[in-house]
Amino acid sequence: MRFQANRDVLSEAVSFTVKLLPQRTTLPILSGILISTTDAGISLSAFDYEVSAQTEITADVQEPGTVLVSGRLLAEIASKLPNAPVTFATDDNRIVVSCGSASFTLLSMPVEEYPTLPQISGESGLVPADEFSEAVGQVAVAASRDDVTPVITGVQLEITENRLSLVATDRYRVAVREIDWDGTIGQSEPSTALVPARTLQEIGKTFGHNGTITVTLVSKDDRELIAFTAEKKTVTSLLIKGNFPPVKRLFPETVDNYAVINTADLIDATRRVSLVLEREAALRFSFTADGLTLEAIGSEQAQASESIDALLTGDDTVVSLKPQFLLDGLSAVHSEYVRISFTKTDNPNKPGPVLITSQTSKEQAGSDSYRYLLQPNLLLR
């Protein structure tokens, strides 16, 4: 094999391909990146049996072939090459990468031991890349990081005729966002796909500026996959098996008791007051007609409080919330103001979940469909 490619194009392609590979693997072969020549140039692929990434770039191919090389090492090298065309050539079981006056010799890995990449055909639907990327960023933060319960470490994608709903939960909070879905090219029946949150976050970052993303659901040989494709890049992921909890039904239809607050002011105040808290402790939020008061009772040496403006509708309310969980929700509300709604429970001594939504102005609710439901802590008297 021998080809020459643009340095920046090759470096970006290698970086994309290896981004989703595991940091550590028990099978060294899975840390490799498969490079093959094509009619138009070269293809680069990576696969660890759960996630795959594939892309194609234009290159001047002098000798066709296929080679497997350490992905992360090649990515490090490609990102630091001088500004000149890159020549990639094989010599027996060695690979020579040269660029300007720099030259690297790498050992190739056995191609025949590499697993067969997933084959994707057909299309289920299309989503706007910018909306999808934003939605993933808003929702995935609420997914659980505890592998003991794999089913809630993912983001549930729920597809209907013209809407795609993203849902995540870690039992303490639920995040939901809906975006447009164009199913005219294939997917007409309602369906769901539970995608690992980490994988979906990388897809959102990678494809966020690509215009439109093609989504394909694949069920073959007892393996259920989802594929995302844009601009000659494709990422596939095995779906998480199991039944995602029906958390969307926890959201109330209407809430009469709520406060509207400047989002940036509430974020800043929460960060300041929580400085004195011990780990896992909660902040006390008192909402009255006069505004909002935040209180933190830390150790004997440190306490803090701050008051900010808030427009309250309904009764005075006091809730205790974990600051980081609140900040996650506030950071995902991409509006100047935020509405914090207070739900009720049958037990008057136990506050209901707090609902966080966007607010265009003090008087007008936001137009997006992002919702974040946060369970308060029991109040410490």
Protein backbone atom coordinates (compact mmCIF):
# COMPACT_ATOMS: atom_id res chain seq x y z
CA MET A 1 0.00 0.00 0.00
CA ARG A 2 1.14 3.51 -0.78
CA PHE A 3 -0.76 6.79 -0.86
CA GLN A 4 -0.35 10.53 -0.32
CA ALA A 5 -2.90 12.73 1.44
CA ASN A 6 -3.39 16.23 2.77
CA ARG A 7 -2.05 16.45 6.33
CA ASP A 8 -5.03 18.25 7.87
CA VAL A 9 -7.59 16.03 6.12
CA LEU A 10 -5.79 12.85 7.20
CA SER A 11 -5.32 14.05 10.78
CA GLU A 12 -9.00 14.96 11.14
CA ALA A 13 -10.08 11.60 9.69
CA VAL A 14 -7.81 9.61 12.01
CA SER A 15 -8.94 11.66 15.04
CA PHE A 16 -12.60 11.03 14.21
CA THR A 17 -12.08 7.32 13.69
CA VAL A 18 -10.30 6.60 16.98
CA LYS A 19 -12.33 8.98 19.17
CA LEU A 20 -14.83 6.34 20.25
CA LEU A 21 -12.33 3.53 20.80
CA PRO A 22 -12.02 2.40 24.44
CA GLN A 23 -9.10 3.84 26.40
CA ARG A 24 -8.18 0.33 27.52
CA THR A 25 -9.02 -2.99 25.88
CA THR A 26 -8.21 -6.59 26.70
CA LEU A 27 -7.77 -7.25 22.97
CA PRO A 28 -4.92 -5.11 21.57
CA ILE A 29 -6.20 -5.73 18.03
CA LEU A 30 -9.28 -3.59 18.81
CA SER A 31 -7.08 -0.54 19.42
CA GLY A 32 -6.17 -0.54 15.75
CA ILE A 33 -7.43 1.58 12.88
CA LEU A 34 -8.08 -0.20 9.57
CA ILE A 35 -6.94 1.76 6.51
CA SER A 36 -7.99 0.57 3.03
CA THR A 37 -7.63 2.09 -0.41
CA THR A 38 -10.78 2.86 -2.40
CA ASP A 39 -11.57 4.17 -5.87
CA ALA A 40 -11.65 7.75 -4.57
CA GLY A 41 -8.90 7.55 -1.96
CA ILE A 42 -8.82 5.74 1.37
CA SER A 43 -11.27 4.59 4.05
CA LEU A 44 -10.47 4.57 7.76
CA SER A 45 -12.37 2.35 10.22
CA ALA A 46 -12.35 1.38 13.88
CA PHE A 47 -14.52 -1.21 15.66
CA ASP A 48 -14.57 -2.68 19.19
CA TYR A 49 -17.63 -4.97 18.75
CA GLU A 50 -19.90 -2.32 20.31
CA VAL A 51 -19.10 0.93 18.49
CA SER A 52 -17.68 1.51 15.03
CA ALA A 53 -16.53 4.62 13.18
CA GLN A 54 -15.91 4.81 9.44
CA THR A 55 -14.94 7.65 7.11
CA GLU A 56 -13.51 8.22 3.63
CA ILE A 57 -11.12 10.88 2.37
CA THR A 58 -9.61 11.77 -0.98
CA ALA A 59 -6.02 10.61 -1.47
CA ASP A 60 -3.53 9.96 -4.27
CA VAL A 61 -3.25 6.15 -4.23
CA GLN A 62 -0.12 4.70 -5.86
CA GLU A 63 -0.46 1.13 -4.56
CA PRO A 64 -3.76 -0.34 -3.28
CA GLY A 65 -3.94 -2.35 -0.08
CA THR A 66 -5.22 -2.67 3.47
CA VAL A 67 -3.32 -2.20 6.71
CA LEU A 68 -4.07 -2.19 10.44
CA VAL A 69 -2.13 0.19 12.70
CA SER A 70 -2.34 1.44 16.29
CA GLY A 71 -5.06 4.08 16.20
CA ARG A 72 -4.10 6.38 19.06
CA LEU A 73 -0.43 6.39 18.11
CA LEU A 74 -1.27 7.29 14.51
CA ALA A 75 -3.64 10.02 15.74
CA GLU A 76 -0.86 11.52 17.92
CA ILE A 77 1.59 11.44 15.03
CA ALA A 78 -0.85 12.85 12.46
CA SER A 79 -1.77 15.78 14.71
CA LYS A 80 1.85 16.86 15.07
CA LEU A 81 3.16 16.45 11.52
CA PRO A 82 4.64 19.51 9.74
CA ASN A 83 2.59 21.41 7.16
CA ALA A 84 3.24 19.23 4.10
CA PRO A 85 1.61 16.33 2.22
CA VAL A 86 1.72 13.01 4.09
CA THR A 87 3.04 9.87 2.42
CA PHE A 88 1.89 6.55 3.86
CA ALA A 89 3.64 3.37 2.66
CA THR A 90 3.95 -0.25 3.81
CA ASP A 91 7.15 -2.28 3.78
CA ASP A 92 6.52 -5.92 4.81
CA ASN A 93 5.09 -5.64 8.35
CA ARG A 94 6.16 -2.04 8.80
CA ILE A 95 4.42 1.21 7.96
CA VAL A 96 6.39 4.34 7.06
CA VAL A 97 4.66 7.69 7.57
CA SER A 98 6.64 10.60 6.15
CA CYS A 99 5.81 14.30 5.99
CA GLY A 100 8.34 16.94 5.04
CA SER A 101 11.54 16.09 6.91
CA ALA A 102 9.72 13.97 9.52
CA SER A 103 9.51 10.20 9.21
CA PHE A 104 7.93 7.55 11.47
CA THR A 105 8.11 3.76 11.22
CA LEU A 106 5.28 1.80 12.84
CA LEU A 107 4.56 -1.90 13.17
CA SER A 108 1.46 -3.12 11.36
CA MET A 109 -1.09 -5.37 13.10
CA PRO A 110 -2.56 -8.60 11.61
CA VAL A 111 -5.49 -7.54 9.41
CA GLU A 112 -6.92 -11.07 9.26
CA GLU A 113 -7.60 -11.02 13.03
CA TYR A 114 -9.63 -7.81 12.86
CA PRO A 115 -13.43 -8.19 13.27
CA THR A 116 -15.76 -7.61 10.33
CA LEU A 117 -17.25 -4.12 10.39
CA PRO A 118 -21.05 -3.72 10.67
CA GLN A 119 -22.77 -3.39 7.30
CA ILE A 120 -25.40 -0.67 7.19
CA SER A 121 -28.06 -0.42 4.50
CA GLY A 122 -31.23 1.62 4.20
CA GLU A 123 -32.29 4.75 6.05
CA SER A 124 -34.81 5.24 8.84
CA GLY A 125 -34.98 9.02 8.96
CA LEU A 126 -33.25 12.39 9.00
CA VAL A 127 -32.64 14.90 11.80
CA PRO A 128 -31.23 18.46 11.67
CA ALA A 129 -27.64 18.14 12.88
CA ASP A 130 -27.59 21.34 14.95
CA GLU A 131 -30.85 20.52 16.75
CA PHE A 132 -29.76 16.94 17.37
CA SER A 133 -26.41 18.04 18.79
CA GLU A 134 -28.10 20.57 21.08
CA ALA A 135 -30.69 18.02 22.23
CA VAL A 136 -28.04 15.42 23.06
CA GLY A 137 -26.10 17.99 25.09
CA GLN A 138 -29.24 18.91 27.04
CA VAL A 139 -30.40 15.36 27.77
CA ALA A 140 -27.35 13.08 28.07
CA VAL A 141 -26.13 14.79 31.26
CA ALA A 142 -29.06 13.22 33.11
CA ALA A 143 -28.10 9.65 32.14
CA SER A 144 -26.75 7.44 34.92
CA ARG A 145 -23.01 6.78 35.17
CA ASP A 146 -23.53 3.67 37.28
CA ASP A 147 -22.94 0.54 35.16
CA VAL A 148 -24.77 -1.58 37.75
CA THR A 149 -28.00 -0.63 35.96
CA PRO A 150 -27.00 -0.44 32.26
CA VAL A 151 -30.52 0.41 31.05
CA ILE A 152 -30.36 3.94 32.53
CA THR A 153 -26.81 4.65 31.29
CA GLY A 154 -28.32 5.28 27.87
CA VAL A 155 -30.46 7.88 26.15
CA GLN A 156 -33.79 6.59 24.91
CA LEU A 157 -34.64 7.74 21.38
CA GLU A 158 -38.38 7.57 20.71
CA ILE A 159 -39.35 7.98 17.07
CA THR A 160 -42.81 8.92 15.87
CA GLU A 161 -43.99 10.07 12.45
CA ASN A 162 -42.40 13.51 12.56
CA ARG A 163 -40.81 13.86 16.01
CA LEU A 164 -37.76 12.42 17.74
CA SER A 165 -37.83 12.46 21.54
CA LEU A 166 -34.63 12.04 23.60
CA VAL A 167 -35.06 10.91 27.22
CA ALA A 168 -32.52 10.20 29.99
CA THR A 169 -32.67 9.55 33.73
CA ASP A 170 -30.48 8.50 36.65
CA ARG A 171 -33.44 8.07 39.04
CA TYR A 172 -32.85 11.49 40.62
CA ARG A 173 -33.72 13.55 37.53
CA VAL A 174 -35.25 13.18 34.09
CA ALA A 175 -34.38 15.20 30.98
CA VAL A 176 -36.49 15.26 27.81
CA ARG A 177 -36.12 17.11 24.51
CA GLU A 178 -38.04 16.76 21.27
CA ILE A 179 -36.81 17.71 17.78
CA ASP A 180 -38.01 17.33 14.20
CA TRP A 181 -37.78 13.90 12.56
CA ASP A 182 -38.14 13.33 8.82
CA GLY A 183 -39.29 9.74 8.41
CA THR A 184 -40.45 10.03 4.81
CA ILE A 185 -37.38 8.16 3.55
CA GLY A 186 -37.97 5.00 5.55
CA GLN A 187 -39.12 4.87 9.18
CA SER A 188 -42.88 5.24 9.34
CA GLU A 189 -43.69 3.06 12.38
CA PRO A 190 -43.06 4.36 15.93
CA SER A 191 -39.88 2.83 17.36
CA THR A 192 -37.36 3.21 20.16
CA ALA A 193 -33.58 2.85 20.48
CA LEU A 194 -31.60 2.92 23.72
CA VAL A 195 -28.15 4.33 22.87
CA PRO A 196 -25.19 4.55 25.32
CA ALA A 197 -25.02 8.17 26.50
CA ARG A 198 -21.24 8.50 26.08
CA THR A 199 -21.43 7.34 22.47
CA LEU A 200 -24.33 9.66 21.72
CA GLN A 201 -22.47 12.63 23.21
CA GLU A 202 -19.50 12.05 20.90
CA ILE A 203 -21.84 11.73 17.93
CA GLY A 204 -23.52 14.99 18.88
CA LYS A 205 -20.19 16.81 19.09
CA THR A 206 -18.83 15.30 15.87
CA PHE A 207 -21.89 15.78 13.65
CA GLY A 208 -23.18 19.04 15.13
CA HIS A 209 -22.25 21.18 12.10
CA ASN A 210 -23.00 18.76 9.28
CA GLY A 211 -26.42 20.01 8.17
CA THR A 212 -28.42 16.80 8.29
CA ILE A 213 -27.77 13.44 9.96
CA THR A 214 -29.10 10.21 8.50
CA VAL A 215 -30.22 7.74 11.17
CA THR A 216 -30.59 4.02 10.44
CA LEU A 217 -31.95 1.34 12.77
CA VAL A 218 -30.66 -2.16 12.01
CA SER A 219 -31.77 -5.50 13.46
CA LYS A 220 -29.71 -8.46 12.27
CA ASP A 221 -28.69 -11.80 13.81
CA ASP A 222 -30.01 -10.84 17.26
CA ARG A 223 -27.89 -7.67 17.17
CA GLU A 224 -29.70 -4.34 17.21
CA LEU A 225 -27.67 -1.38 15.94
CA ILE A 226 -28.18 2.28 15.25
CA ALA A 227 -26.11 4.18 12.68
CA PHE A 228 -25.56 7.92 12.27
CA THR A 229 -24.17 9.20 8.97
CA ALA A 230 -23.15 12.67 7.76
CA GLU A 231 -20.52 13.98 5.35
CA LYS A 232 -18.90 10.60 4.57
CA LYS A 233 -18.69 9.77 8.27
CA THR A 234 -20.61 6.93 9.92
CA VAL A 235 -20.82 5.86 13.56
CA THR A 236 -22.65 2.71 14.62
CA SER A 237 -23.50 1.58 18.12
CA LEU A 238 -25.01 -1.53 19.64
CA LEU A 239 -28.22 -0.70 21.44
CA ILE A 240 -28.59 -1.33 25.16
CA LYS A 241 -30.97 -4.21 25.84
CA GLY A 242 -33.68 -3.84 28.43
CA ASN A 243 -36.81 -1.84 29.18
CA PHE A 244 -36.26 1.85 29.77
CA PRO A 245 -38.41 3.11 32.68
CA PRO A 246 -41.56 5.05 31.63
CA VAL A 247 -40.29 8.30 33.12
CA LYS A 248 -42.06 10.67 30.73
CA ARG A 249 -45.29 10.07 32.59
CA LEU A 250 -43.75 11.74 35.65
CA PHE A 251 -44.02 15.15 33.98
CA PRO A 252 -47.11 17.12 35.04
CA GLU A 253 -49.49 18.53 32.45
CA THR A 254 -49.68 21.92 34.17
CA VAL A 255 -48.20 23.51 37.29
CA ASP A 256 -49.74 26.62 38.85
CA ASN A 257 -46.96 27.33 41.36
CA TYR A 258 -43.71 28.53 39.73
CA ALA A 259 -40.94 31.13 39.78
CA VAL A 260 -39.21 32.88 36.89
CA ILE A 261 -35.56 33.82 37.40
CA ASN A 262 -32.69 35.14 35.29
CA THR A 263 -30.77 31.99 34.33
CA ALA A 264 -27.26 33.44 34.60
CA ASP A 265 -28.02 35.04 37.99
CA LEU A 266 -29.27 31.74 39.40
CA ILE A 267 -26.27 29.80 38.04
CA ASP A 268 -23.79 32.29 39.51
CA ALA A 269 -25.52 32.43 42.90
CA THR A 270 -25.76 28.63 43.12
CA ARG A 271 -22.06 28.26 42.38
CA ARG A 272 -21.10 30.86 44.97
CA VAL A 273 -23.28 29.68 47.82
CA SER A 274 -22.45 26.00 47.27
CA LEU A 275 -18.73 26.66 47.84
CA VAL A 276 -19.14 26.02 51.58
CA LEU A 277 -21.09 22.77 51.15
CA GLU A 278 -19.66 19.40 51.91
CA ARG A 279 -19.80 16.83 49.15
CA GLU A 280 -23.30 15.53 48.27
CA ALA A 281 -24.93 18.17 50.47
CA ALA A 282 -27.90 20.17 49.19
CA LEU A 283 -28.75 23.87 49.01
CA ARG A 284 -31.91 25.34 50.50
CA PHE A 285 -33.94 27.52 48.10
CA SER A 286 -36.65 29.74 49.59
CA PHE A 287 -39.03 31.28 47.03
CA THR A 288 -41.21 34.16 48.27
CA ALA A 289 -42.92 37.24 46.86
CA ASP A 290 -39.74 39.17 47.73
CA GLY A 291 -37.48 36.93 45.63
CA LEU A 292 -35.26 33.86 46.06
CA THR A 293 -32.88 33.20 48.94
CA LEU A 294 -30.20 30.49 48.68
CA GLU A 295 -28.75 29.08 51.91
CA ALA A 296 -25.89 26.66 52.50
CA ILE A 297 -25.10 25.29 55.92
CA GLY A 298 -21.69 23.70 55.60
CA SER A 299 -19.31 22.83 58.39
CA GLU A 300 -19.20 24.74 61.67
CA GLN A 301 -16.66 27.11 60.14
CA ALA A 302 -18.56 28.03 56.95
CA GLN A 303 -22.07 29.08 55.98
CA ALA A 304 -23.38 31.15 53.08
CA SER A 305 -26.53 32.78 51.77
CA GLU A 306 -27.52 35.03 48.89
CA SER A 307 -30.74 36.62 47.64
CA ILE A 308 -31.62 37.27 43.98
CA ASP A 309 -34.67 38.53 42.09
CA ALA A 310 -37.42 36.03 41.30
CA LEU A 311 -40.97 36.48 40.06
CA LEU A 312 -43.16 34.05 41.99
CA THR A 313 -46.60 32.88 40.90
CA GLY A 314 -48.50 30.96 43.59
CA ASP A 315 -47.51 30.03 47.13
CA ASP A 316 -44.20 30.60 48.93
CA THR A 317 -42.11 27.47 48.50
CA VAL A 318 -38.96 26.02 50.08
CA VAL A 319 -37.04 23.19 48.42
CA SER A 320 -33.67 21.55 48.98
CA LEU A 321 -31.72 20.72 45.81
CA LYS A 322 -28.31 19.26 44.99
CA PRO A 323 -26.43 22.16 43.39
CA GLN A 324 -24.73 20.18 40.62
CA PHE A 325 -27.96 18.55 39.51
CA LEU A 326 -29.60 21.98 39.42
CA LEU A 327 -26.67 23.49 37.50
CA ASP A 328 -26.85 20.69 34.92
CA GLY A 329 -30.47 21.59 34.23
CA LEU A 330 -29.89 25.34 34.21
CA SER A 331 -26.93 25.04 31.83
CA ALA A 332 -29.12 23.13 29.39
CA VAL A 333 -31.80 25.86 29.38
CA HIS A 334 -30.60 28.01 26.51
CA SER A 335 -32.68 31.06 27.38
CA GLU A 336 -32.21 34.28 29.33
CA TYR A 337 -34.79 33.28 31.93
CA VAL A 338 -35.75 29.95 33.48
CA ARG A 339 -39.04 28.76 34.93
CA ILE A 340 -38.86 26.58 38.05
CA SER A 341 -42.20 24.92 38.70
CA PHE A 342 -43.14 23.23 42.00
CA THR A 343 -45.19 20.04 41.77
CA LYS A 344 -47.17 18.59 44.66
CA THR A 345 -47.33 15.16 46.30
CA ASP A 346 -49.98 13.55 48.46
CA ASN A 347 -47.69 14.03 51.45
CA PRO A 348 -47.63 17.74 52.44
CA ASN A 349 -44.26 17.22 54.18
CA LYS A 350 -42.65 15.80 51.05
CA PRO A 351 -42.11 18.23 48.15
CA GLY A 352 -42.75 17.04 44.62
CA PRO A 353 -40.19 17.16 41.81
CA VAL A 354 -39.06 20.54 40.53
CA LEU A 355 -39.68 21.13 36.81
CA ILE A 356 -37.18 23.30 34.92
CA THR A 357 -38.09 24.76 31.53
CA SER A 358 -36.96 27.66 29.37
CA GLN A 359 -38.52 31.10 29.61
CA THR A 360 -38.16 33.67 26.81
CA SER A 361 -38.88 36.61 29.13
CA LYS A 362 -40.28 37.16 32.61
CA GLU A 363 -43.79 36.85 31.21
CA GLN A 364 -43.43 34.51 28.23
CA ALA A 365 -42.65 30.77 28.35
CA GLY A 366 -39.91 29.39 26.10
CA SER A 367 -40.75 27.90 22.73
CA ASP A 368 -38.48 24.83 22.86
CA SER A 369 -39.53 21.44 24.19
CA TYR A 370 -36.74 20.90 26.74
CA ARG A 371 -37.92 19.73 30.18
CA TYR A 372 -35.82 18.77 33.22
CA LEU A 373 -37.44 17.18 36.26
CA LEU A 374 -35.38 17.14 39.48
CA GLN A 375 -36.26 15.32 42.68
CA PRO A 376 -35.61 17.53 45.76
CA ASN A 377 -33.90 16.33 48.90
CA LEU A 378 -35.89 16.10 52.12
CA LEU A 379 -35.71 19.43 53.90
CA LEU A 380 -33.51 19.60 56.95
CA ARG A 381 -35.35 21.50 59.63
